[in-house]
Each structure stands twice: as C-alpha cells, then as structure tokens.
Amino acid sequence: MGFFNQLFGRKSKGEQTMRETLNIGIILGSTRQGRVSPQVGSWVKEIADKRGDANYEIIDIAEFKLPFLGEADSPGIAAWNEKLYSLDGFIFIVQEYNHSITGALKNALDLAREP
C-alpha cells in the first residue's frame, strides 16, 4: 500500500480497507550544547500524540554519534539508516544556520542510505 493510500485510507482493487498506523519521526536536527530542540520536540510530540492518528517518536541525531564530514565511518551510520527506514514520515525540528539547516542535519541526511 502506498504512502498516500495508507495516509488517507484509500484502497486499490482487491485490497481490503485497512488503515495501518503510521510511524512518524520527530527528528532533532542539532547536536550543539545548550540547544532547545529537545524541549521543542517534546512539545511537538505532546501535541501530536493527542491526534491519535499515528505513532510519534523523537529521534535525536546527537544520539547516533554520526561522523563529521571527512571523518572515518561510524557504527552509528547503520543504526541511523535503520531508524530512518523504519519510519513512514518525518517532522524536522531544526535551527536556521546561514539561511539553511544545520551542518549536522545536512550530514545526517547525506549519510542516509537504503539499508
């Protein structure tokens, strides 16, 4: 069943109407000390959980210990990729840095590969 069909509960020929619960990751896109993204992520999750239409999970890129650009591979890359591919959708909590997203999130998204 495709993502939009799953989201809106449409069925294709021969398929029973069955809505699976989506798994949505609330990704914290900063690794800096003193960041406020964990508090914002908790607030977003609290509101999202009240909807009752999906499972929401906070995913902190700092916990995966991803390598910086140009560093050797890290065992956290495999865990990061596995986590991303277990999700149906994403909400990004990220600070603006130089009119873009943080370098840590750019790197994390660049490391995302199909497992």
PDB file of N, CA and C in Angstrom:
ATOM      1  N   MET A   1       0.854  -1.169   0.000  1.00  0.00           N
ATOM      2  CA  MET A   1       0.000   0.000   0.000  1.00  0.00           C
ATOM      3  C   MET A   1       0.897   1.228   0.000  1.00  0.00           C
ATOM      4  N   GLY A   2       0.665   2.172  -0.896  1.00  0.00           N
ATOM      5  CA  GLY A   2       1.471   3.375  -0.983  1.00  0.00           C
ATOM      6  C   GLY A   2       1.255   4.299   0.202  1.00  0.00           C
ATOM      7  N   PHE A   3       2.195   5.241   0.350  1.00  0.00           N
ATOM      8  CA  PHE A   3       2.155   6.156   1.485  1.00  0.00           C
ATOM      9  C   PHE A   3       0.856   6.957   1.532  1.00  0.00           C
ATOM     10  N   PHE A   4       0.440   7.567   0.406  1.00  0.00           N
ATOM     11  CA  PHE A   4      -0.756   8.396   0.434  1.00  0.00           C
ATOM     12  C   PHE A   4      -2.017   7.554   0.611  1.00  0.00           C
ATOM     13  N   ASN A   5      -2.021   6.377   0.027  1.00  0.00           N
ATOM     14  CA  ASN A   5      -3.159   5.486   0.264  1.00  0.00           C
ATOM     15  C   ASN A   5      -3.234   5.090   1.723  1.00  0.00           C
ATOM     16  N   GLN A   6      -2.071   4.833   2.302  1.00  0.00           N
ATOM     17  CA  GLN A   6      -2.013   4.478   3.715  1.00  0.00           C
ATOM     18  C   GLN A   6      -2.475   5.652   4.575  1.00  0.00           C
ATOM     19  N   LEU A   7      -2.045   6.842   4.196  1.00  0.00           N
ATOM     20  CA  LEU A   7      -2.377   8.036   4.950  1.00  0.00           C
ATOM     21  C   LEU A   7      -3.867   8.343   4.905  1.00  0.00           C
ATOM     22  N   PHE A   8      -4.465   8.219   3.715  1.00  0.00           N
ATOM     23  CA  PHE A   8      -5.855   8.611   3.554  1.00  0.00           C
ATOM     24  C   PHE A   8      -6.819   7.432   3.547  1.00  0.00           C
ATOM     25  N   GLY A   9      -6.314   6.211   3.688  1.00  0.00           N
ATOM     26  CA  GLY A   9      -7.178   5.051   3.819  1.00  0.00           C
ATOM     27  C   GLY A   9      -7.858   4.621   2.536  1.00  0.00           C
ATOM     28  N   ARG A  10      -7.328   4.979   1.366  1.00  0.00           N
ATOM     29  CA  ARG A  10      -7.918   4.539   0.107  1.00  0.00           C
ATOM     30  C   ARG A  10      -7.486   3.113  -0.173  1.00  0.00           C
ATOM     31  N   LYS A  11      -8.341   2.392  -0.879  1.00  0.00           N
ATOM     32  CA  LYS A  11      -7.978   1.017  -1.196  1.00  0.00           C
ATOM     33  C   LYS A  11      -7.883   0.856  -2.708  1.00  0.00           C
ATOM     34  N   SER A  12      -7.005  -0.019  -3.115  1.00  0.00           N
ATOM     35  CA  SER A  12      -6.888  -0.336  -4.528  1.00  0.00           C
ATOM     36  C   SER A  12      -7.694  -1.602  -4.792  1.00  0.00           C
ATOM     37  N   LYS A  13      -7.767  -2.029  -6.049  1.00  0.00           N
ATOM     38  CA  LYS A  13      -8.563  -3.200  -6.412  1.00  0.00           C
ATOM     39  C   LYS A  13      -8.123  -4.413  -5.603  1.00  0.00           C
ATOM     40  N   GLY A  14      -9.085  -5.115  -5.041  1.00  0.00           N
ATOM     41  CA  GLY A  14      -8.817  -6.349  -4.320  1.00  0.00           C
ATOM     42  C   GLY A  14      -8.202  -6.154  -2.944  1.00  0.00           C
ATOM     43  N   GLU A  15      -8.038  -4.927  -2.516  1.00  0.00           N
ATOM     44  CA  GLU A  15      -7.399  -4.663  -1.226  1.00  0.00           C
ATOM     45  C   GLU A  15      -8.468  -4.263  -0.216  1.00  0.00           C
ATOM     46  N   GLN A  16      -8.409  -4.854   0.935  1.00  0.00           N
ATOM     47  CA  GLN A  16      -9.368  -4.519   1.966  1.00  0.00           C
ATOM     48  C   GLN A  16      -9.040  -3.150   2.542  1.00  0.00           C
ATOM     49  N   THR A  17     -10.080  -2.460   3.032  1.00  0.00           N
ATOM     50  CA  THR A  17      -9.843  -1.185   3.687  1.00  0.00           C
ATOM     51  C   THR A  17      -9.240  -1.464   5.049  1.00  0.00           C
ATOM     52  N   MET A  18      -7.979  -1.096   5.193  1.00  0.00           N
ATOM     53  CA  MET A  18      -7.296  -1.335   6.446  1.00  0.00           C
ATOM     54  C   MET A  18      -6.284  -0.213   6.624  1.00  0.00           C
ATOM     55  N   ARG A  19      -6.462   0.594   7.633  1.00  0.00           N
ATOM     56  CA  ARG A  19      -5.556   1.702   7.892  1.00  0.00           C
ATOM     57  C   ARG A  19      -4.516   1.275   8.892  1.00  0.00           C
ATOM     58  N   GLU A  20      -3.284   1.255   8.450  1.00  0.00           N
ATOM     59  CA  GLU A  20      -2.198   0.967   9.364  1.00  0.00           C
ATOM     60  C   GLU A  20      -1.777   2.261  10.034  1.00  0.00           C
ATOM     61  N   THR A  21      -1.330   2.145  11.261  1.00  0.00           N
ATOM     62  CA  THR A  21      -0.867   3.332  11.971  1.00  0.00           C
ATOM     63  C   THR A  21       0.505   3.718  11.448  1.00  0.00           C
ATOM     64  N   LEU A  22       0.647   4.978  11.079  1.00  0.00           N
ATOM     65  CA  LEU A  22       1.924   5.480  10.573  1.00  0.00           C
ATOM     66  C   LEU A  22       2.899   5.704  11.713  1.00  0.00           C
ATOM     67  N   ASN A  23       4.170   5.530  11.429  1.00  0.00           N
ATOM     68  CA  ASN A  23       5.238   5.834  12.377  1.00  0.00           C
ATOM     69  C   ASN A  23       5.941   7.093  11.891  1.00  0.00           C
ATOM     70  N   ILE A  24       5.843   8.154  12.682  1.00  0.00           N
ATOM     71  CA  ILE A  24       6.399   9.453  12.317  1.00  0.00           C
ATOM     72  C   ILE A  24       7.539   9.803  13.268  1.00  0.00           C
ATOM     73  N   GLY A  25       8.684  10.137  12.696  1.00  0.00           N
ATOM     74  CA  GLY A  25       9.836  10.532  13.491  1.00  0.00           C
ATOM     75  C   GLY A  25       9.904  12.042  13.637  1.00  0.00           C
ATOM     76  N   ILE A  26      10.077  12.505  14.856  1.00  0.00           N
ATOM     77  CA  ILE A  26      10.308  13.929  15.133  1.00  0.00           C
ATOM     78  C   ILE A  26      11.819  14.055  15.299  1.00  0.00           C
ATOM     79  N   ILE A  27      12.485  14.505  14.247  1.00  0.00           N
ATOM     80  CA  ILE A  27      13.944  14.497  14.203  1.00  0.00           C
ATOM     81  C   ILE A  27      14.501  15.813  14.730  1.00  0.00           C
ATOM     82  N   LEU A  28      15.341  15.700  15.763  1.00  0.00           N
ATOM     83  CA  LEU A  28      16.013  16.858  16.335  1.00  0.00           C
ATOM     84  C   LEU A  28      17.295  17.073  15.540  1.00  0.00           C
ATOM     85  N   GLY A  29      17.386  18.212  14.854  1.00  0.00           N
ATOM     86  CA  GLY A  29      18.451  18.430  13.884  1.00  0.00           C
ATOM     87  C   GLY A  29      19.641  19.221  14.364  1.00  0.00           C
ATOM     88  N   SER A  30      19.922  19.222  15.638  1.00  0.00           N
ATOM     89  CA  SER A  30      21.080  19.938  16.154  1.00  0.00           C
ATOM     90  C   SER A  30      21.806  19.065  17.162  1.00  0.00           C
ATOM     91  N   THR A  31      23.115  19.251  17.235  1.00  0.00           N
ATOM     92  CA  THR A  31      23.919  18.485  18.189  1.00  0.00           C
ATOM     93  C   THR A  31      24.628  19.398  19.186  1.00  0.00           C
ATOM     94  N   ARG A  32      24.366  20.682  19.132  1.00  0.00           N
ATOM     95  CA  ARG A  32      25.067  21.652  19.989  1.00  0.00           C
ATOM     96  C   ARG A  32      24.673  21.547  21.453  1.00  0.00           C
ATOM     97  N   GLN A  33      25.626  21.889  22.327  1.00  0.00           N
ATOM     98  CA  GLN A  33      25.325  22.023  23.755  1.00  0.00           C
ATOM     99  C   GLN A  33      24.380  23.213  23.934  1.00  0.00           C
ATOM    100  N   GLY A  34      23.442  23.111  24.823  1.00  0.00           N
ATOM    101  CA  GLY A  34      22.527  24.210  25.106  1.00  0.00           C
ATOM    102  C   GLY A  34      21.419  24.385  24.087  1.00  0.00           C
ATOM    103  N   ARG A  35      21.265  23.464  23.186  1.00  0.00           N
ATOM    104  CA  ARG A  35      20.208  23.565  22.169  1.00  0.00           C
ATOM    105  C   ARG A  35      18.835  23.455  22.819  1.00  0.00           C
ATOM    106  N   VAL A  36      17.835  23.996  22.178  1.00  0.00           N
ATOM    107  CA  VAL A  36      16.476  23.929  22.714  1.00  0.00           C
ATOM    108  C   VAL A  36      15.603  22.944  21.933  1.00  0.00           C
ATOM    109  N   SER A  37      16.160  22.296  20.925  1.00  0.00           N
ATOM    110  CA  SER A  37      15.352  21.375  20.126  1.00  0.00           C
ATOM    111  C   SER A  37      14.752  20.220  20.932  1.00  0.00           C
ATOM    112  N   PRO A  38      15.411  19.701  22.000  1.00  0.00           N
ATOM    113  CA  PRO A  38      14.733  18.655  22.780  1.00  0.00           C
ATOM    114  C   PRO A  38      13.438  19.148  23.435  1.00  0.00           C
ATOM    115  N   GLN A  39      13.444  20.385  23.928  1.00  0.00           N
ATOM    116  CA  GLN A  39      12.225  20.925  24.539  1.00  0.00           C
ATOM    117  C   GLN A  39      11.146  21.156  23.481  1.00  0.00           C
ATOM    118  N   VAL A  40      11.538  21.692  22.333  1.00  0.00           N
ATOM    119  CA  VAL A  40      10.573  21.933  21.259  1.00  0.00           C
ATOM    120  C   VAL A  40      10.038  20.594  20.744  1.00  0.00           C
ATOM    121  N   GLY A  41      10.923  19.607  20.575  1.00  0.00           N
ATOM    122  CA  GLY A  41      10.497  18.287  20.118  1.00  0.00           C
ATOM    123  C   GLY A  41       9.506  17.634  21.068  1.00  0.00           C
ATOM    124  N   SER A  42       9.747  17.759  22.370  1.00  0.00           N
ATOM    125  CA  SER A  42       8.815  17.211  23.366  1.00  0.00           C
ATOM    126  C   SER A  42       7.462  17.895  23.289  1.00  0.00           C
ATOM    127  N   TRP A  43       7.480  19.204  23.086  1.00  0.00           N
ATOM    128  CA  TRP A  43       6.236  19.970  22.961  1.00  0.00           C
ATOM    129  C   TRP A  43       5.460  19.526  21.716  1.00  0.00           C
ATOM    130  N   VAL A  44       6.165  19.374  20.589  1.00  0.00           N
ATOM    131  CA  VAL A  44       5.521  18.941  19.348  1.00  0.00           C
ATOM    132  C   VAL A  44       4.950  17.529  19.516  1.00  0.00           C
ATOM    133  N   LYS A  45       5.713  16.629  20.140  1.00  0.00           N
ATOM    134  CA  LYS A  45       5.251  15.255  20.348  1.00  0.00           C
ATOM    135  C   LYS A  45       4.015  15.217  21.237  1.00  0.00           C
ATOM    136  N   GLU A  46       4.000  16.032  22.267  1.00  0.00           N
ATOM    137  CA  GLU A  46       2.844  16.085  23.171  1.00  0.00           C
ATOM    138  C   GLU A  46       1.580  16.475  22.410  1.00  0.00           C
ATOM    139  N   ILE A  47       1.689  17.455  21.551  1.00  0.00           N
ATOM    140  CA  ILE A  47       0.533  17.897  20.750  1.00  0.00           C
ATOM    141  C   ILE A  47       0.161  16.832  19.719  1.00  0.00           C
ATOM    142  N   ALA A  48       1.181  16.265  19.047  1.00  0.00           N
ATOM    143  CA  ALA A  48       0.930  15.264  18.005  1.00  0.00           C
ATOM    144  C   ALA A  48       0.279  14.007  18.580  1.00  0.00           C
ATOM    145  N   ASP A  49       0.726  13.581  19.763  1.00  0.00           N
ATOM    146  CA  ASP A  49       0.155  12.377  20.384  1.00  0.00           C
ATOM    147  C   ASP A  49      -1.340  12.517  20.651  1.00  0.00           C
ATOM    148  N   LYS A  50      -1.793  13.725  20.871  1.00  0.00           N
ATOM    149  CA  LYS A  50      -3.222  13.956  21.126  1.00  0.00           C
ATOM    150  C   LYS A  50      -4.070  13.668  19.891  1.00  0.00           C
ATOM    151  N   ARG A  51      -3.456  13.712  18.707  1.00  0.00           N
ATOM    152  CA  ARG A  51      -4.195  13.438  17.473  1.00  0.00           C
ATOM    153  C   ARG A  51      -4.657  11.991  17.416  1.00  0.00           C
ATOM    154  N   GLY A  52      -3.808  11.078  17.895  1.00  0.00           N
ATOM    155  CA  GLY A  52      -4.171   9.669  17.915  1.00  0.00           C
ATOM    156  C   GLY A  52      -4.162   8.980  16.566  1.00  0.00           C
ATOM    157  N   ASP A  53      -3.622   9.612  15.539  1.00  0.00           N
ATOM    158  CA  ASP A  53      -3.660   9.023  14.200  1.00  0.00           C
ATOM    159  C   ASP A  53      -2.341   8.400  13.758  1.00  0.00           C
ATOM    160  N   ALA A  54      -1.312   8.480  14.595  1.00  0.00           N
ATOM    161  CA  ALA A  54      -0.003   7.941  14.239  1.00  0.00           C
ATOM    162  C   ALA A  54       0.812   7.728  15.510  1.00  0.00           C
ATOM    163  N   ASN A  55       1.891   6.989  15.366  1.00  0.00           N
ATOM    164  CA  ASN A  55       2.852   6.834  16.457  1.00  0.00           C
ATOM    165  C   ASN A  55       3.970   7.844  16.211  1.00  0.00           C
ATOM    166  N   TYR A  56       4.221   8.699  17.178  1.00  0.00           N
ATOM    167  CA  TYR A  56       5.250   9.725  17.056  1.00  0.00           C
ATOM    168  C   TYR A  56       6.410   9.375  17.971  1.00  0.00           C
ATOM    169  N   GLU A  57       7.626   9.554  17.450  1.00  0.00           N
ATOM    170  CA  GLU A  57       8.823   9.215  18.202  1.00  0.00           C
ATOM    171  C   GLU A  57       9.871  10.303  17.995  1.00  0.00           C
ATOM    172  N   ILE A  58      10.488  10.741  19.089  1.00  0.00           N
ATOM    173  CA  ILE A  58      11.567  11.732  18.993  1.00  0.00           C
ATOM    174  C   ILE A  58      12.859  11.006  18.641  1.00  0.00           C
ATOM    175  N   ILE A  59      13.538  11.508  17.622  1.00  0.00           N
ATOM    176  CA  ILE A  59      14.802  10.930  17.174  1.00  0.00           C
ATOM    177  C   ILE A  59      15.850  12.031  17.222  1.00  0.00           C
ATOM    178  N   ASP A  60      16.827  11.855  18.069  1.00  0.00           N
ATOM    179  CA  ASP A  60      17.873  12.846  18.287  1.00  0.00           C
ATOM    180  C   ASP A  60      19.124  12.423  17.522  1.00  0.00           C
ATOM    181  N   ILE A  61      19.527  13.205  16.509  1.00  0.00           N
ATOM    182  CA  ILE A  61      20.697  12.803  15.723  1.00  0.00           C
ATOM    183  C   ILE A  61      21.969  12.777  16.573  1.00  0.00           C
ATOM    184  N   ALA A  62      21.985  13.498  17.682  1.00  0.00           N
ATOM    185  CA  ALA A  62      23.155  13.502  18.559  1.00  0.00           C
ATOM    186  C   ALA A  62      23.397  12.122  19.176  1.00  0.00           C
ATOM    187  N   GLU A  63      22.352  11.333  19.362  1.00  0.00           N
ATOM    188  CA  GLU A  63      22.482  10.011  19.973  1.00  0.00           C
ATOM    189  C   GLU A  63      23.126   8.987  19.043  1.00  0.00           C
ATOM    190  N   PHE A  64      23.166   9.266  17.743  1.00  0.00           N
ATOM    191  CA  PHE A  64      23.708   8.315  16.786  1.00  0.00           C
ATOM    192  C   PHE A  64      25.215   8.464  16.585  1.00  0.00           C
ATOM    193  N   LYS A  65      25.798   9.509  17.150  1.00  0.00           N
ATOM    194  CA  LYS A  65      27.251   9.723  17.063  1.00  0.00           C
ATOM    195  C   LYS A  65      27.739   9.610  15.616  1.00  0.00           C
ATOM    196  N   LEU A  66      27.065  10.337  14.721  1.00  0.00           N
ATOM    197  CA  LEU A  66      27.423  10.301  13.306  1.00  0.00           C
ATOM    198  C   LEU A  66      28.740  11.033  13.085  1.00  0.00           C
ATOM    199  N   PRO A  67      29.523  10.578  12.114  1.00  0.00           N
ATOM    200  CA  PRO A  67      30.802  11.247  11.859  1.00  0.00           C
ATOM    201  C   PRO A  67      30.580  12.600  11.194  1.00  0.00           C
ATOM    202  N   PHE A  68      31.539  13.497  11.389  1.00  0.00           N
ATOM    203  CA  PHE A  68      31.500  14.774  10.691  1.00  0.00           C
ATOM    204  C   PHE A  68      32.037  14.567   9.282  1.00  0.00           C
ATOM    205  N   LEU A  69      31.804  15.519   8.417  1.00  0.00           N
ATOM    206  CA  LEU A  69      32.262  15.439   7.044  1.00  0.00           C
ATOM    207  C   LEU A  69      33.760  15.160   7.002  1.00  0.00           C
ATOM    208  N   GLY A  70      34.154  14.155   6.262  1.00  0.00           N
ATOM    209  CA  GLY A  70      35.562  13.829   6.114  1.00  0.00           C
ATOM    210  C   GLY A  70      36.110  12.876   7.158  1.00  0.00           C
ATOM    211  N   GLU A  71      35.324  12.530   8.174  1.00  0.00           N
ATOM    212  CA  GLU A  71      35.784  11.583   9.196  1.00  0.00           C
ATOM    213  C   GLU A  71      35.517  10.155   8.742  1.00  0.00           C
ATOM    214  N   ALA A  72      36.188   9.221   9.409  1.00  0.00           N
ATOM    215  CA  ALA A  72      36.008   7.803   9.095  1.00  0.00           C
ATOM    216  C   ALA A  72      34.579   7.368   9.397  1.00  0.00           C
ATOM    217  N   ASP A  73      34.215   6.227   8.837  1.00  0.00           N
ATOM    218  CA  ASP A  73      32.876   5.686   9.074  1.00  0.00           C
ATOM    219  C   ASP A  73      32.644   5.440  10.557  1.00  0.00           C
ATOM    220  N   SER A  74      31.386   5.405  10.903  1.00  0.00           N
ATOM    221  CA  SER A  74      30.984   5.234  12.287  1.00  0.00           C
ATOM    222  C   SER A  74      29.914   4.149  12.353  1.00  0.00           C
ATOM    223  N   PRO A  75      29.897   3.359  13.428  1.00  0.00           N
ATOM    224  CA  PRO A  75      28.835   2.354  13.559  1.00  0.00           C
ATOM    225  C   PRO A  75      27.451   2.990  13.684  1.00  0.00           C
ATOM    226  N   GLY A  76      27.410   4.277  14.017  1.00  0.00           N
ATOM    227  CA  GLY A  76      26.128   4.960  14.136  1.00  0.00           C
ATOM    228  C   GLY A  76      25.412   5.137  12.813  1.00  0.00           C
ATOM    229  N   ILE A  77      26.140   5.069  11.702  1.00  0.00           N
ATOM    230  CA  ILE A  77      25.531   5.255  10.385  1.00  0.00           C
ATOM    231  C   ILE A  77      24.506   4.157  10.110  1.00  0.00           C
ATOM    232  N   ALA A  78      24.860   2.910  10.399  1.00  0.00           N
ATOM    233  CA  ALA A  78      23.936   1.796  10.159  1.00  0.00           C
ATOM    234  C   ALA A  78      22.684   1.938  11.023  1.00  0.00           C
ATOM    235  N   ALA A  79      22.862   2.307  12.279  1.00  0.00           N
ATOM    236  CA  ALA A  79      21.709   2.490  13.170  1.00  0.00           C
ATOM    237  C   ALA A  79      20.832   3.647  12.697  1.00  0.00           C
ATOM    238  N   TRP A  80      21.451   4.732  12.236  1.00  0.00           N
ATOM    239  CA  TRP A  80      20.728   5.897  11.712  1.00  0.00           C
ATOM    240  C   TRP A  80      19.888   5.487  10.504  1.00  0.00           C
ATOM    241  N   ASN A  81      20.499   4.779   9.563  1.00  0.00           N
ATOM    242  CA  ASN A  81      19.780   4.351   8.367  1.00  0.00           C
ATOM    243  C   ASN A  81      18.632   3.409   8.707  1.00  0.00           C
ATOM    244  N   GLU A  82      18.877   2.492   9.615  1.00  0.00           N
ATOM    245  CA  GLU A  82      17.829   1.557  10.031  1.00  0.00           C
ATOM    246  C   GLU A  82      16.644   2.313  10.641  1.00  0.00           C
ATOM    247  N   LYS A  83      16.941   3.295  11.472  1.00  0.00           N
ATOM    248  CA  LYS A  83      15.885   4.083  12.108  1.00  0.00           C
ATOM    249  C   LYS A  83      15.087   4.860  11.057  1.00  0.00           C
ATOM    250  N   LEU A  84      15.776   5.518  10.122  1.00  0.00           N
ATOM    251  CA  LEU A  84      15.078   6.293   9.094  1.00  0.00           C
ATOM    252  C   LEU A  84      14.139   5.424   8.267  1.00  0.00           C
ATOM    253  N   TYR A  85      14.608   4.255   7.882  1.00  0.00           N
ATOM    254  CA  TYR A  85      13.805   3.398   7.028  1.00  0.00           C
ATOM    255  C   TYR A  85      12.695   2.674   7.774  1.00  0.00           C
ATOM    256  N   SER A  86      12.670   2.781   9.093  1.00  0.00           N
ATOM    257  CA  SER A  86      11.564   2.200   9.853  1.00  0.00           C
ATOM    258  C   SER A  86      10.396   3.173   9.974  1.00  0.00           C
ATOM    259  N   LEU A  87      10.592   4.397   9.504  1.00  0.00           N
ATOM    260  CA  LEU A  87       9.580   5.449   9.642  1.00  0.00           C
ATOM    261  C   LEU A  87       8.822   5.674   8.345  1.00  0.00           C
ATOM    262  N   ASP A  88       7.574   6.164   8.490  1.00  0.00           N
ATOM    263  CA  ASP A  88       6.743   6.482   7.342  1.00  0.00           C
ATOM    264  C   ASP A  88       6.780   7.966   6.991  1.00  0.00           C
ATOM    265  N   GLY A  89       7.207   8.793   7.929  1.00  0.00           N
ATOM    266  CA  GLY A  89       7.248  10.235   7.695  1.00  0.00           C
ATOM    267  C   GLY A  89       8.101  10.915   8.747  1.00  0.00           C
ATOM    268  N   PHE A  90       8.349  12.200   8.539  1.00  0.00           N
ATOM    269  CA  PHE A  90       9.267  12.940   9.400  1.00  0.00           C
ATOM    270  C   PHE A  90       8.742  14.334   9.716  1.00  0.00           C
ATOM    271  N   ILE A  91       9.069  14.800  10.909  1.00  0.00           N
ATOM    272  CA  ILE A  91       8.907  16.198  11.297  1.00  0.00           C
ATOM    273  C   ILE A  91      10.303  16.625  11.736  1.00  0.00           C
ATOM    274  N   PHE A  92      10.827  17.686  11.150  1.00  0.00           N
ATOM    275  CA  PHE A  92      12.169  18.142  11.494  1.00  0.00           C
ATOM    276  C   PHE A  92      12.086  19.346  12.424  1.00  0.00           C
ATOM    277  N   ILE A  93      12.792  19.265  13.539  1.00  0.00           N
ATOM    278  CA  ILE A  93      12.955  20.395  14.452  1.00  0.00           C
ATOM    279  C   ILE A  93      14.405  20.827  14.252  1.00  0.00           C
ATOM    280  N   VAL A  94      14.593  21.937  13.565  1.00  0.00           N
ATOM    281  CA  VAL A  94      15.956  22.329  13.202  1.00  0.00           C
ATOM    282  C   VAL A  94      16.102  23.850  13.245  1.00  0.00           C
ATOM    283  N   GLN A  95      17.250  24.276  13.712  1.00  0.00           N
ATOM    284  CA  GLN A  95      17.555  25.690  13.774  1.00  0.00           C
ATOM    285  C   GLN A  95      18.046  26.161  12.410  1.00  0.00           C
ATOM    286  N   GLU A  96      17.815  27.420  12.122  1.00  0.00           N
ATOM    287  CA  GLU A  96      18.318  28.002  10.887  1.00  0.00           C
ATOM    288  C   GLU A  96      19.784  28.371  11.096  1.00  0.00           C
ATOM    289  N   TYR A  97      20.606  27.987  10.156  1.00  0.00           N
ATOM    290  CA  TYR A  97      22.029  28.313  10.229  1.00  0.00           C
ATOM    291  C   TYR A  97      22.476  28.768   8.844  1.00  0.00           C
ATOM    292  N   ASN A  98      22.890  30.014   8.731  1.00  0.00           N
ATOM    293  CA  ASN A  98      23.342  30.561   7.441  1.00  0.00           C
ATOM    294  C   ASN A  98      22.279  30.397   6.356  1.00  0.00           C
ATOM    295  N   HIS A  99      21.036  30.679   6.685  1.00  0.00           N
ATOM    296  CA  HIS A  99      19.903  30.597   5.764  1.00  0.00           C
ATOM    297  C   HIS A  99      19.626  29.168   5.294  1.00  0.00           C
ATOM    298  N   SER A 100      19.981  28.183   6.094  1.00  0.00           N
ATOM    299  CA  SER A 100      19.766  26.791   5.740  1.00  0.00           C
ATOM    300  C   SER A 100      19.604  25.972   7.020  1.00  0.00           C
ATOM    301  N   ILE A 101      19.676  24.667   6.888  1.00  0.00           N
ATOM    302  CA  ILE A 101      19.621  23.786   8.047  1.00  0.00           C
ATOM    303  C   ILE A 101      21.028  23.627   8.620  1.00  0.00           C
ATOM    304  N   THR A 102      21.133  23.029   9.787  1.00  0.00           N
ATOM    305  CA  THR A 102      22.435  22.866  10.435  1.00  0.00           C
ATOM    306  C   THR A 102      23.317  21.887   9.659  1.00  0.00           C
ATOM    307  N   GLY A 103      24.613  22.048   9.819  1.00  0.00           N
ATOM    308  CA  GLY A 103      25.556  21.149   9.176  1.00  0.00           C
ATOM    309  C   GLY A 103      25.388  19.717   9.651  1.00  0.00           C
ATOM    310  N   ALA A 104      25.068  19.537  10.929  1.00  0.00           N
ATOM    311  CA  ALA A 104      24.871  18.191  11.472  1.00  0.00           C
ATOM    312  C   ALA A 104      23.706  17.489  10.774  1.00  0.00           C
ATOM    313  N   LEU A 105      22.617  18.209  10.515  1.00  0.00           N
ATOM    314  CA  LEU A 105      21.479  17.596   9.841  1.00  0.00           C
ATOM    315  C   LEU A 105      21.791  17.361   8.368  1.00  0.00           C
ATOM    316  N   LYS A 106      22.479  18.291   7.716  1.00  0.00           N
ATOM    317  CA  LYS A 106      22.882  18.079   6.321  1.00  0.00           C
ATOM    318  C   LYS A 106      23.695  16.800   6.210  1.00  0.00           C
ATOM    319  N   ASN A 107      24.645  16.633   7.114  1.00  0.00           N
ATOM    320  CA  ASN A 107      25.490  15.449   7.095  1.00  0.00           C
ATOM    321  C   ASN A 107      24.673  14.187   7.364  1.00  0.00           C
ATOM    322  N   ALA A 108      23.771  14.250   8.338  1.00  0.00           N
ATOM    323  CA  ALA A 108      22.945  13.089   8.670  1.00  0.00           C
ATOM    324  C   ALA A 108      22.076  12.675   7.482  1.00  0.00           C
ATOM    325  N   LEU A 109      21.515  13.640   6.775  1.00  0.00           N
ATOM    326  CA  LEU A 109      20.680  13.321   5.627  1.00  0.00           C
ATOM    327  C   LEU A 109      21.525  12.806   4.469  1.00  0.00           C
ATOM    328  N   ASP A 110      22.755  13.308   4.354  1.00  0.00           N
ATOM    329  CA  ASP A 110      23.653  12.827   3.318  1.00  0.00           C
ATOM    330  C   ASP A 110      24.064  11.377   3.575  1.00  0.00           C
ATOM    331  N   LEU A 111      24.164  10.979   4.834  1.00  0.00           N
ATOM    332  CA  LEU A 111      24.569   9.621   5.196  1.00  0.00           C
ATOM    333  C   LEU A 111      23.418   8.618   5.040  1.00  0.00           C
ATOM    334  N   ALA A 112      22.209   9.124   4.875  1.00  0.00           N
ATOM    335  CA  ALA A 112      21.040   8.245   4.777  1.00  0.00           C
ATOM    336  C   ALA A 112      21.106   7.434   3.486  1.00  0.00           C
ATOM    337  N   ARG A 113      21.189   6.149   3.647  1.00  0.00           N
ATOM    338  CA  ARG A 113      21.246   5.225   2.525  1.00  0.00           C
ATOM    339  C   ARG A 113      20.297   4.065   2.807  1.00  0.00           C
ATOM    340  N   GLU A 114      19.796   3.474   1.736  1.00  0.00           N
ATOM    341  CA  GLU A 114      18.923   2.322   1.916  1.00  0.00           C
ATOM    342  C   GLU A 114      19.712   1.186   2.544  1.00  0.00           C
ATOM    343  N   PRO A 115      19.172   0.601   3.626  1.00  0.00           N
ATOM    344  CA  PRO A 115      19.902  -0.487   4.297  1.00  0.00           C
ATOM    345  C   PRO A 115      19.978  -1.748   3.456  1.00  0.00           C
TER     346      PRO A 115
END
